[in-house]
């Protein structure tokens, strides 16, 4: 993810045009504010704009634990967005751009 320099991030990972903005760092509320979630450290994690937006697009967003499982499964299948992660030897996932941990 990037916070202040999309050009550097774009050059480093080869992401061109507006696609780089999908990887902008956002604050993701584990419990949504509309559901009583507060702006406190324990309830806010870093997430790329794409993941933050995607999680909340549905009528019934997954809870944080379920969403983490969903993301990891899709990444293992190679079906998550580009540069989010790559497999390490042994099958572990190295998070390159997103903080879904």
PDB file of N, CA and C in Angstrom:
ATOM      1  N   UNK A   1       0.843  -1.181   0.000  1.00  0.00           N
ATOM      2  CA  UNK A   1       0.000   0.000   0.000  1.00  0.00           C
ATOM      3  C   UNK A   1       0.883   1.237   0.000  1.00  0.00           C
ATOM      4  N   UNK A   2       0.311   2.321  -0.422  1.00  0.00           N
ATOM      5  CA  UNK A   2       1.015   3.598  -0.364  1.00  0.00           C
ATOM      6  C   UNK A   2       0.137   4.604   0.373  1.00  0.00           C
ATOM      7  N   UNK A   3       0.807   5.574   1.001  1.00  0.00           N
ATOM      8  CA  UNK A   3       0.073   6.594   1.743  1.00  0.00           C
ATOM      9  C   UNK A   3       0.284   7.981   1.152  1.00  0.00           C
ATOM     10  N   UNK A   4       1.499   8.268   0.712  1.00  0.00           N
ATOM     11  CA  UNK A   4       1.790   9.630   0.262  1.00  0.00           C
ATOM     12  C   UNK A   4       2.388   9.738  -1.139  1.00  0.00           C
ATOM     13  N   UNK A   5       2.880   8.647  -1.704  1.00  0.00           N
ATOM     14  CA  UNK A   5       3.590   8.748  -2.978  1.00  0.00           C
ATOM     15  C   UNK A   5       3.134   7.689  -3.980  1.00  0.00           C
ATOM     16  N   UNK A   6       2.040   7.941  -4.695  1.00  0.00           N
ATOM     17  CA  UNK A   6       1.580   6.936  -5.649  1.00  0.00           C
ATOM     18  C   UNK A   6       2.556   6.708  -6.800  1.00  0.00           C
ATOM     19  N   UNK A   7       3.344   7.721  -7.169  1.00  0.00           N
ATOM     20  CA  UNK A   7       4.283   7.557  -8.277  1.00  0.00           C
ATOM     21  C   UNK A   7       5.364   6.546  -7.931  1.00  0.00           C
ATOM     22  N   UNK A   8       5.921   6.631  -6.730  1.00  0.00           N
ATOM     23  CA  UNK A   8       6.942   5.692  -6.295  1.00  0.00           C
ATOM     24  C   UNK A   8       6.378   4.274  -6.240  1.00  0.00           C
ATOM     25  N   UNK A   9       5.187   4.129  -5.686  1.00  0.00           N
ATOM     26  CA  UNK A   9       4.537   2.827  -5.594  1.00  0.00           C
ATOM     27  C   UNK A   9       4.293   2.261  -6.987  1.00  0.00           C
ATOM     28  N   UNK A  10       3.809   3.106  -7.894  1.00  0.00           N
ATOM     29  CA  UNK A  10       3.535   2.707  -9.265  1.00  0.00           C
ATOM     30  C   UNK A  10       4.800   2.183  -9.950  1.00  0.00           C
ATOM     31  N   UNK A  11       5.884   2.913  -9.794  1.00  0.00           N
ATOM     32  CA  UNK A  11       7.145   2.510 -10.414  1.00  0.00           C
ATOM     33  C   UNK A  11       7.678   1.219  -9.795  1.00  0.00           C
ATOM     34  N   UNK A  12       7.575   1.097  -8.482  1.00  0.00           N
ATOM     35  CA  UNK A  12       8.111  -0.068  -7.779  1.00  0.00           C
ATOM     36  C   UNK A  12       7.386  -1.361  -8.157  1.00  0.00           C
ATOM     37  N   UNK A  13       6.048  -1.289  -8.306  1.00  0.00           N
ATOM     38  CA  UNK A  13       5.268  -2.495  -8.563  1.00  0.00           C
ATOM     39  C   UNK A  13       4.738  -2.590  -9.990  1.00  0.00           C
ATOM     40  N   UNK A  14       5.038  -1.597 -10.839  1.00  0.00           N
ATOM     41  CA  UNK A  14       4.621  -1.648 -12.228  1.00  0.00           C
ATOM     42  C   UNK A  14       3.128  -1.504 -12.432  1.00  0.00           C
ATOM     43  N   UNK A  15       2.480  -0.758 -11.563  1.00  0.00           N
ATOM     44  CA  UNK A  15       1.043  -0.536 -11.669  1.00  0.00           C
ATOM     45  C   UNK A  15       0.832   0.813 -12.332  1.00  0.00           C
ATOM     46  N   UNK A  16       0.109   0.815 -13.443  1.00  0.00           N
ATOM     47  CA  UNK A  16      -0.010   2.019 -14.249  1.00  0.00           C
ATOM     48  C   UNK A  16      -1.370   2.689 -14.107  1.00  0.00           C
ATOM     49  N   UNK A  17      -1.396   3.976 -14.410  1.00  0.00           N
ATOM     50  CA  UNK A  17      -2.643   4.731 -14.471  1.00  0.00           C
ATOM     51  C   UNK A  17      -3.382   4.795 -13.152  1.00  0.00           C
ATOM     52  N   UNK A  18      -4.692   4.827 -13.282  1.00  0.00           N
ATOM     53  CA  UNK A  18      -5.542   4.974 -12.100  1.00  0.00           C
ATOM     54  C   UNK A  18      -5.551   3.737 -11.212  1.00  0.00           C
ATOM     55  N   UNK A  19      -5.093   2.606 -11.726  1.00  0.00           N
ATOM     56  CA  UNK A  19      -5.083   1.376 -10.929  1.00  0.00           C
ATOM     57  C   UNK A  19      -4.276   1.542  -9.640  1.00  0.00           C
ATOM     58  N   UNK A  20      -3.290   2.425  -9.641  1.00  0.00           N
ATOM     59  CA  UNK A  20      -2.472   2.633  -8.444  1.00  0.00           C
ATOM     60  C   UNK A  20      -3.321   3.119  -7.269  1.00  0.00           C
ATOM     61  N   UNK A  21      -4.425   3.796  -7.550  1.00  0.00           N
ATOM     62  CA  UNK A  21      -5.247   4.323  -6.464  1.00  0.00           C
ATOM     63  C   UNK A  21      -6.047   3.239  -5.746  1.00  0.00           C
ATOM     64  N   UNK A  22      -6.145   2.051  -6.341  1.00  0.00           N
ATOM     65  CA  UNK A  22      -6.771   0.937  -5.637  1.00  0.00           C
ATOM     66  C   UNK A  22      -5.945   0.514  -4.433  1.00  0.00           C
ATOM     67  N   UNK A  23      -4.658   0.850  -4.446  1.00  0.00           N
ATOM     68  CA  UNK A  23      -3.736   0.413  -3.394  1.00  0.00           C
ATOM     69  C   UNK A  23      -3.455   1.500  -2.352  1.00  0.00           C
ATOM     70  N   UNK A  24      -4.210   2.598  -2.387  1.00  0.00           N
ATOM     71  CA  UNK A  24      -4.000   3.657  -1.401  1.00  0.00           C
ATOM     72  C   UNK A  24      -4.400   3.157  -0.021  1.00  0.00           C
ATOM     73  N   UNK A  25      -3.601   3.483   0.978  1.00  0.00           N
ATOM     74  CA  UNK A  25      -3.847   3.059   2.351  1.00  0.00           C
ATOM     75  C   UNK A  25      -5.075   3.783   2.908  1.00  0.00           C
ATOM     76  N   UNK A  26      -6.009   3.004   3.442  1.00  0.00           N
ATOM     77  CA  UNK A  26      -7.192   3.558   4.097  1.00  0.00           C
ATOM     78  C   UNK A  26      -7.318   2.935   5.477  1.00  0.00           C
ATOM     79  N   UNK A  27      -8.132   3.538   6.306  1.00  0.00           N
ATOM     80  CA  UNK A  27      -8.442   2.976   7.618  1.00  0.00           C
ATOM     81  C   UNK A  27      -9.719   2.160   7.525  1.00  0.00           C
ATOM     82  N   UNK A  28      -9.627   0.877   7.809  1.00  0.00           N
ATOM     83  CA  UNK A  28     -10.772  -0.030   7.753  1.00  0.00           C
ATOM     84  C   UNK A  28     -11.273  -0.291   9.165  1.00  0.00           C
ATOM     85  N   UNK A  29     -12.547  -0.022   9.399  1.00  0.00           N
ATOM     86  CA  UNK A  29     -13.153  -0.305  10.702  1.00  0.00           C
ATOM     87  C   UNK A  29     -13.559  -1.770  10.747  1.00  0.00           C
ATOM     88  N   UNK A  30     -13.055  -2.515  11.726  1.00  0.00           N
ATOM     89  CA  UNK A  30     -13.410  -3.922  11.857  1.00  0.00           C
ATOM     90  C   UNK A  30     -14.893  -4.058  12.166  1.00  0.00           C
ATOM     91  N   UNK A  31     -15.386  -3.243  13.084  1.00  0.00           N
ATOM     92  CA  UNK A  31     -16.822  -3.132  13.317  1.00  0.00           C
ATOM     93  C   UNK A  31     -17.216  -1.778  12.745  1.00  0.00           C
ATOM     94  N   UNK A  32     -18.072  -1.779  11.744  1.00  0.00           N
ATOM     95  CA  UNK A  32     -18.450  -0.551  11.053  1.00  0.00           C
ATOM     96  C   UNK A  32     -19.010   0.488  12.018  1.00  0.00           C
ATOM     97  N   UNK A  33     -18.749   1.746  11.705  1.00  0.00           N
ATOM     98  CA  UNK A  33     -19.271   2.831  12.538  1.00  0.00           C
ATOM     99  C   UNK A  33     -20.786   2.796  12.603  1.00  0.00           C
ATOM    100  N   UNK A  34     -21.436   2.445  11.502  1.00  0.00           N
ATOM    101  CA  UNK A  34     -22.904   2.386  11.500  1.00  0.00           C
ATOM    102  C   UNK A  34     -23.432   1.269  12.403  1.00  0.00           C
ATOM    103  N   UNK A  35     -22.561   0.325  12.774  1.00  0.00           N
ATOM    104  CA  UNK A  35     -22.941  -0.755  13.684  1.00  0.00           C
ATOM    105  C   UNK A  35     -22.410  -0.528  15.093  1.00  0.00           C
ATOM    106  N   UNK A  36     -21.999   0.694  15.374  1.00  0.00           N
ATOM    107  CA  UNK A  36     -21.511   1.030  16.713  1.00  0.00           C
ATOM    108  C   UNK A  36     -20.002   0.986  16.862  1.00  0.00           C
ATOM    109  N   UNK A  37     -19.279   0.704  15.776  1.00  0.00           N
ATOM    110  CA  UNK A  37     -17.821   0.676  15.839  1.00  0.00           C
ATOM    111  C   UNK A  37     -17.261   2.065  16.084  1.00  0.00           C
ATOM    112  N   UNK A  38     -16.209   2.121  16.854  1.00  0.00           N
ATOM    113  CA  UNK A  38     -15.624   3.413  17.205  1.00  0.00           C
ATOM    114  C   UNK A  38     -14.294   3.616  16.495  1.00  0.00           C
ATOM    115  N   UNK A  39     -13.856   4.866  16.474  1.00  0.00           N
ATOM    116  CA  UNK A  39     -12.563   5.232  15.902  1.00  0.00           C
ATOM    117  C   UNK A  39     -11.476   5.073  16.965  1.00  0.00           C
ATOM    118  N   UNK A  40     -11.207   3.827  17.323  1.00  0.00           N
ATOM    119  CA  UNK A  40     -10.176   3.520  18.315  1.00  0.00           C
ATOM    120  C   UNK A  40      -9.202   2.531  17.699  1.00  0.00           C
ATOM    121  N   UNK A  41      -7.999   2.504  18.231  1.00  0.00           N
ATOM    122  CA  UNK A  41      -6.926   1.674  17.678  1.00  0.00           C
ATOM    123  C   UNK A  41      -7.328   0.209  17.503  1.00  0.00           C
ATOM    124  N   UNK A  42      -8.057  -0.337  18.449  1.00  0.00           N
ATOM    125  CA  UNK A  42      -8.434  -1.750  18.391  1.00  0.00           C
ATOM    126  C   UNK A  42      -9.445  -2.048  17.290  1.00  0.00           C
ATOM    127  N   UNK A  43     -10.099  -1.010  16.746  1.00  0.00           N
ATOM    128  CA  UNK A  43     -11.147  -1.222  15.756  1.00  0.00           C
ATOM    129  C   UNK A  43     -10.763  -0.769  14.345  1.00  0.00           C
ATOM    130  N   UNK A  44      -9.587  -0.204  14.175  1.00  0.00           N
ATOM    131  CA  UNK A  44      -9.191   0.313  12.866  1.00  0.00           C
ATOM    132  C   UNK A  44      -7.881  -0.349  12.437  1.00  0.00           C
ATOM    133  N   UNK A  45      -7.879  -0.879  11.212  1.00  0.00           N
ATOM    134  CA  UNK A  45      -6.678  -1.492  10.646  1.00  0.00           C
ATOM    135  C   UNK A  45      -6.403  -0.866   9.290  1.00  0.00           C
ATOM    136  N   UNK A  46      -5.175  -1.001   8.823  1.00  0.00           N
ATOM    137  CA  UNK A  46      -4.822  -0.518   7.488  1.00  0.00           C
ATOM    138  C   UNK A  46      -5.330  -1.505   6.451  1.00  0.00           C
ATOM    139  N   UNK A  47      -5.899  -0.967   5.381  1.00  0.00           N
ATOM    140  CA  UNK A  47      -6.355  -1.786   4.259  1.00  0.00           C
ATOM    141  C   UNK A  47      -6.256  -0.945   3.001  1.00  0.00           C
ATOM    142  N   UNK A  48      -5.969  -1.580   1.896  1.00  0.00           N
ATOM    143  CA  UNK A  48      -5.940  -0.821   0.646  1.00  0.00           C
ATOM    144  C   UNK A  48      -7.366  -0.389   0.307  1.00  0.00           C
ATOM    145  N   UNK A  49      -7.460   0.651  -0.498  1.00  0.00           N
ATOM    146  CA  UNK A  49      -8.766   1.191  -0.879  1.00  0.00           C
ATOM    147  C   UNK A  49      -9.643   0.112  -1.509  1.00  0.00           C
ATOM    148  N   UNK A  50      -9.059  -0.712  -2.365  1.00  0.00           N
ATOM    149  CA  UNK A  50      -9.811  -1.773  -3.037  1.00  0.00           C
ATOM    150  C   UNK A  50     -10.468  -2.713  -2.029  1.00  0.00           C
ATOM    151  N   UNK A  51      -9.707  -3.180  -1.073  1.00  0.00           N
ATOM    152  CA  UNK A  51     -10.239  -4.135  -0.099  1.00  0.00           C
ATOM    153  C   UNK A  51     -11.276  -3.480   0.809  1.00  0.00           C
ATOM    154  N   UNK A  52     -11.018  -2.262   1.232  1.00  0.00           N
ATOM    155  CA  UNK A  52     -11.957  -1.543   2.078  1.00  0.00           C
ATOM    156  C   UNK A  52     -13.277  -1.362   1.338  1.00  0.00           C
ATOM    157  N   UNK A  53     -13.211  -0.911   0.105  1.00  0.00           N
ATOM    158  CA  UNK A  53     -14.407  -0.674  -0.696  1.00  0.00           C
ATOM    159  C   UNK A  53     -15.126  -1.983  -1.008  1.00  0.00           C
ATOM    160  N   UNK A  54     -14.393  -3.022  -1.377  1.00  0.00           N
ATOM    161  CA  UNK A  54     -14.990  -4.298  -1.746  1.00  0.00           C
ATOM    162  C   UNK A  54     -15.723  -4.938  -0.578  1.00  0.00           C
ATOM    163  N   UNK A  55     -15.145  -4.879   0.596  1.00  0.00           N
ATOM    164  CA  UNK A  55     -15.765  -5.498   1.764  1.00  0.00           C
ATOM    165  C   UNK A  55     -17.132  -4.894   2.050  1.00  0.00           C
ATOM    166  N   UNK A  56     -17.302  -3.625   1.811  1.00  0.00           N
ATOM    167  CA  UNK A  56     -18.541  -2.949   2.179  1.00  0.00           C
ATOM    168  C   UNK A  56     -19.532  -2.798   1.026  1.00  0.00           C
ATOM    169  N   UNK A  57     -19.241  -3.366  -0.129  1.00  0.00           N
ATOM    170  CA  UNK A  57     -20.142  -3.272  -1.288  1.00  0.00           C
ATOM    171  C   UNK A  57     -21.391  -4.125  -1.133  1.00  0.00           C
ATOM    172  N   UNK A  58     -21.297  -5.194  -0.403  1.00  0.00           N
ATOM    173  CA  UNK A  58     -22.411  -6.119  -0.296  1.00  0.00           C
ATOM    174  C   UNK A  58     -23.422  -5.646   0.749  1.00  0.00           C
ATOM    175  N   UNK A  59     -24.626  -6.192   0.668  1.00  0.00           N
ATOM    176  CA  UNK A  59     -25.664  -5.842   1.645  1.00  0.00           C
ATOM    177  C   UNK A  59     -25.296  -6.333   3.035  1.00  0.00           C
ATOM    178  N   UNK A  60     -24.594  -7.465   3.077  1.00  0.00           N
ATOM    179  CA  UNK A  60     -24.172  -8.048   4.358  1.00  0.00           C
ATOM    180  C   UNK A  60     -22.664  -8.264   4.341  1.00  0.00           C
ATOM    181  N   UNK A  61     -21.892  -7.234   4.677  1.00  0.00           N
ATOM    182  CA  UNK A  61     -20.432  -7.405   4.664  1.00  0.00           C
ATOM    183  C   UNK A  61     -19.990  -8.482   5.653  1.00  0.00           C
ATOM    184  N   UNK A  62     -18.951  -9.187   5.274  1.00  0.00           N
ATOM    185  CA  UNK A  62     -18.394 -10.207   6.165  1.00  0.00           C
ATOM    186  C   UNK A  62     -17.755  -9.541   7.374  1.00  0.00           C
ATOM    187  N   UNK A  63     -17.765 -10.237   8.503  1.00  0.00           N
ATOM    188  CA  UNK A  63     -17.033  -9.734   9.663  1.00  0.00           C
ATOM    189  C   UNK A  63     -15.548  -9.848   9.362  1.00  0.00           C
ATOM    190  N   UNK A  64     -14.726  -9.206  10.187  1.00  0.00           N
ATOM    191  CA  UNK A  64     -13.284  -9.125   9.920  1.00  0.00           C
ATOM    192  C   UNK A  64     -12.623 -10.493   9.780  1.00  0.00           C
ATOM    193  N   UNK A  65     -12.955 -11.432  10.645  1.00  0.00           N
ATOM    194  CA  UNK A  65     -12.327 -12.760  10.600  1.00  0.00           C
ATOM    195  C   UNK A  65     -12.733 -13.501   9.329  1.00  0.00           C
ATOM    196  N   UNK A  66     -14.005 -13.457   8.984  1.00  0.00           N
ATOM    197  CA  UNK A  66     -14.480 -14.124   7.757  1.00  0.00           C
ATOM    198  C   UNK A  66     -13.885 -13.484   6.521  1.00  0.00           C
ATOM    199  N   UNK A  67     -13.764 -12.169   6.522  1.00  0.00           N
ATOM    200  CA  UNK A  67     -13.208 -11.479   5.362  1.00  0.00           C
ATOM    201  C   UNK A  67     -11.730 -11.839   5.183  1.00  0.00           C
ATOM    202  N   UNK A  68     -11.012 -11.942   6.285  1.00  0.00           N
ATOM    203  CA  UNK A  68      -9.595 -12.330   6.220  1.00  0.00           C
ATOM    204  C   UNK A  68      -9.466 -13.715   5.574  1.00  0.00           C
ATOM    205  N   UNK A  69     -10.317 -14.647   5.961  1.00  0.00           N
ATOM    206  CA  UNK A  69     -10.297 -15.988   5.373  1.00  0.00           C
ATOM    207  C   UNK A  69     -10.627 -15.926   3.883  1.00  0.00           C
ATOM    208  N   UNK A  70     -11.621 -15.119   3.541  1.00  0.00           N
ATOM    209  CA  UNK A  70     -12.018 -14.949   2.138  1.00  0.00           C
ATOM    210  C   UNK A  70     -10.851 -14.423   1.303  1.00  0.00           C
ATOM    211  N   UNK A  71     -10.179 -13.393   1.800  1.00  0.00           N
ATOM    212  CA  UNK A  71      -9.050 -12.798   1.079  1.00  0.00           C
ATOM    213  C   UNK A  71      -7.933 -13.816   0.902  1.00  0.00           C
ATOM    214  N   UNK A  72      -7.576 -14.516   1.960  1.00  0.00           N
ATOM    215  CA  UNK A  72      -6.481 -15.500   1.875  1.00  0.00           C
ATOM    216  C   UNK A  72      -6.807 -16.628   0.895  1.00  0.00           C
ATOM    217  N   UNK A  73      -8.044 -17.114   0.914  1.00  0.00           N
ATOM    218  CA  UNK A  73      -8.434 -18.169  -0.013  1.00  0.00           C
ATOM    219  C   UNK A  73      -8.337 -17.677  -1.453  1.00  0.00           C
ATOM    220  N   UNK A  74      -8.872 -16.496  -1.730  1.00  0.00           N
ATOM    221  CA  UNK A  74      -8.819 -15.962  -3.098  1.00  0.00           C
ATOM    222  C   UNK A  74      -7.384 -15.732  -3.540  1.00  0.00           C
ATOM    223  N   UNK A  75      -6.521 -15.303  -2.635  1.00  0.00           N
ATOM    224  CA  UNK A  75      -5.118 -15.076  -2.985  1.00  0.00           C
ATOM    225  C   UNK A  75      -4.430 -16.389  -3.307  1.00  0.00           C
ATOM    226  N   UNK A  76      -4.687 -17.420  -2.535  1.00  0.00           N
ATOM    227  CA  UNK A  76      -4.086 -18.731  -2.819  1.00  0.00           C
ATOM    228  C   UNK A  76      -4.533 -19.261  -4.173  1.00  0.00           C
ATOM    229  N   UNK A  77      -5.741 -18.915  -4.568  1.00  0.00           N
ATOM    230  CA  UNK A  77      -6.275 -19.341  -5.860  1.00  0.00           C
ATOM    231  C   UNK A  77      -5.813 -18.429  -6.991  1.00  0.00           C
ATOM    232  N   UNK A  78      -5.084 -17.371  -6.650  1.00  0.00           N
ATOM    233  CA  UNK A  78      -4.635 -16.413  -7.651  1.00  0.00           C
ATOM    234  C   UNK A  78      -5.757 -15.547  -8.171  1.00  0.00           C
ATOM    235  N   UNK A  79      -6.777 -15.345  -7.356  1.00  0.00           N
ATOM    236  CA  UNK A  79      -7.959 -14.624  -7.800  1.00  0.00           C
ATOM    237  C   UNK A  79      -8.180 -13.323  -7.025  1.00  0.00           C
ATOM    238  N   UNK A  80      -7.150 -12.783  -6.408  1.00  0.00           N
ATOM    239  CA  UNK A  80      -7.272 -11.507  -5.733  1.00  0.00           C
ATOM    240  C   UNK A  80      -6.585 -10.463  -6.591  1.00  0.00           C
ATOM    241  N   UNK A  81      -6.668  -9.216  -6.232  1.00  0.00           N
ATOM    242  CA  UNK A  81      -6.116  -8.202  -7.120  1.00  0.00           C
ATOM    243  C   UNK A  81      -4.598  -8.225  -7.137  1.00  0.00           C
ATOM    244  N   UNK A  82      -4.046  -7.768  -8.242  1.00  0.00           N
ATOM    245  CA  UNK A  82      -2.623  -7.842  -8.557  1.00  0.00           C
ATOM    246  C   UNK A  82      -1.751  -7.194  -7.487  1.00  0.00           C
ATOM    247  N   UNK A  83      -0.612  -7.801  -7.229  1.00  0.00           N
ATOM    248  CA  UNK A  83       0.396  -7.307  -6.301  1.00  0.00           C
ATOM    249  C   UNK A  83      -0.034  -7.311  -4.847  1.00  0.00           C
ATOM    250  N   UNK A  84      -1.181  -7.883  -4.534  1.00  0.00           N
ATOM    251  CA  UNK A  84      -1.599  -7.903  -3.145  1.00  0.00           C
ATOM    252  C   UNK A  84      -0.718  -8.863  -2.357  1.00  0.00           C
ATOM    253  N   UNK A  85      -0.406  -9.967  -2.953  1.00  0.00           N
ATOM    254  CA  UNK A  85       0.425 -10.930  -2.239  1.00  0.00           C
ATOM    255  C   UNK A  85       1.082 -11.871  -3.232  1.00  0.00           C
ATOM    256  N   UNK A  86       2.105 -12.512  -2.756  1.00  0.00           N
ATOM    257  CA  UNK A  86       2.697 -13.566  -3.577  1.00  0.00           C
ATOM    258  C   UNK A  86       3.052 -14.715  -2.656  1.00  0.00           C
ATOM    259  N   UNK A  87       3.041 -15.887  -3.198  1.00  0.00           N
ATOM    260  CA  UNK A  87       3.330 -17.069  -2.401  1.00  0.00           C
ATOM    261  C   UNK A  87       4.821 -17.149  -2.111  1.00  0.00           C
ATOM    262  N   UNK A  88       5.133 -17.519  -0.906  1.00  0.00           N
ATOM    263  CA  UNK A  88       6.517 -17.768  -0.504  1.00  0.00           C
ATOM    264  C   UNK A  88       6.749 -19.275  -0.552  1.00  0.00           C
ATOM    265  N   UNK A  89       8.014 -19.705  -0.548  1.00  0.00           N
ATOM    266  CA  UNK A  89       8.275 -21.140  -0.451  1.00  0.00           C
ATOM    267  C   UNK A  89       7.582 -21.703   0.789  1.00  0.00           C
ATOM    268  N   UNK A  90       6.967 -22.852   0.652  1.00  0.00           N
ATOM    269  CA  UNK A  90       6.254 -23.452   1.771  1.00  0.00           C
ATOM    270  C   UNK A  90       4.779 -23.096   1.791  1.00  0.00           C
ATOM    271  N   UNK A  91       4.333 -22.287   0.835  1.00  0.00           N
ATOM    272  CA  UNK A  91       2.912 -21.974   0.743  1.00  0.00           C
ATOM    273  C   UNK A  91       2.440 -20.795   1.570  1.00  0.00           C
ATOM    274  N   UNK A  92       3.342 -20.155   2.311  1.00  0.00           N
ATOM    275  CA  UNK A  92       2.931 -18.981   3.082  1.00  0.00           C
ATOM    276  C   UNK A  92       2.700 -17.812   2.143  1.00  0.00           C
ATOM    277  N   UNK A  93       1.934 -16.858   2.601  1.00  0.00           N
ATOM    278  CA  UNK A  93       1.627 -15.689   1.780  1.00  0.00           C
ATOM    279  C   UNK A  93       2.423 -14.502   2.290  1.00  0.00           C
ATOM    280  N   UNK A  94       3.121 -13.831   1.396  1.00  0.00           N
ATOM    281  CA  UNK A  94       3.845 -12.610   1.741  1.00  0.00           C
ATOM    282  C   UNK A  94       2.986 -11.433   1.278  1.00  0.00           C
ATOM    283  N   UNK A  95       2.543 -10.636   2.213  1.00  0.00           N
ATOM    284  CA  UNK A  95       1.712  -9.492   1.869  1.00  0.00           C
ATOM    285  C   UNK A  95       2.610  -8.362   1.404  1.00  0.00           C
ATOM    286  N   UNK A  96       2.499  -8.041   0.132  1.00  0.00           N
ATOM    287  CA  UNK A  96       3.353  -7.022  -0.451  1.00  0.00           C
ATOM    288  C   UNK A  96       2.741  -5.633  -0.338  1.00  0.00           C
ATOM    289  N   UNK A  97       1.452  -5.532  -0.556  1.00  0.00           N
ATOM    290  CA  UNK A  97       0.831  -4.233  -0.671  1.00  0.00           C
ATOM    291  C   UNK A  97      -0.325  -4.026   0.279  1.00  0.00           C
ATOM    292  N   UNK A  98      -0.892  -5.081   0.804  1.00  0.00           N
ATOM    293  CA  UNK A  98      -2.087  -4.957   1.620  1.00  0.00           C
ATOM    294  C   UNK A  98      -1.836  -5.471   3.033  1.00  0.00           C
ATOM    295  N   UNK A  99      -2.551  -4.926   3.970  1.00  0.00           N
ATOM    296  CA  UNK A  99      -2.416  -5.351   5.368  1.00  0.00           C
ATOM    297  C   UNK A  99      -3.659  -6.101   5.800  1.00  0.00           C
ATOM    298  N   UNK A 100      -3.811  -7.331   5.327  1.00  0.00           N
ATOM    299  CA  UNK A 100      -4.982  -8.135   5.677  1.00  0.00           C
ATOM    300  C   UNK A 100      -4.640  -9.104   6.797  1.00  0.00           C
ATOM    301  N   UNK A 101      -3.688  -8.783   7.601  1.00  0.00           N
ATOM    302  CA  UNK A 101      -3.228  -9.746   8.593  1.00  0.00           C
ATOM    303  C   UNK A 101      -3.946  -9.595   9.901  1.00  0.00           C
TER     304      UNK A 101
END
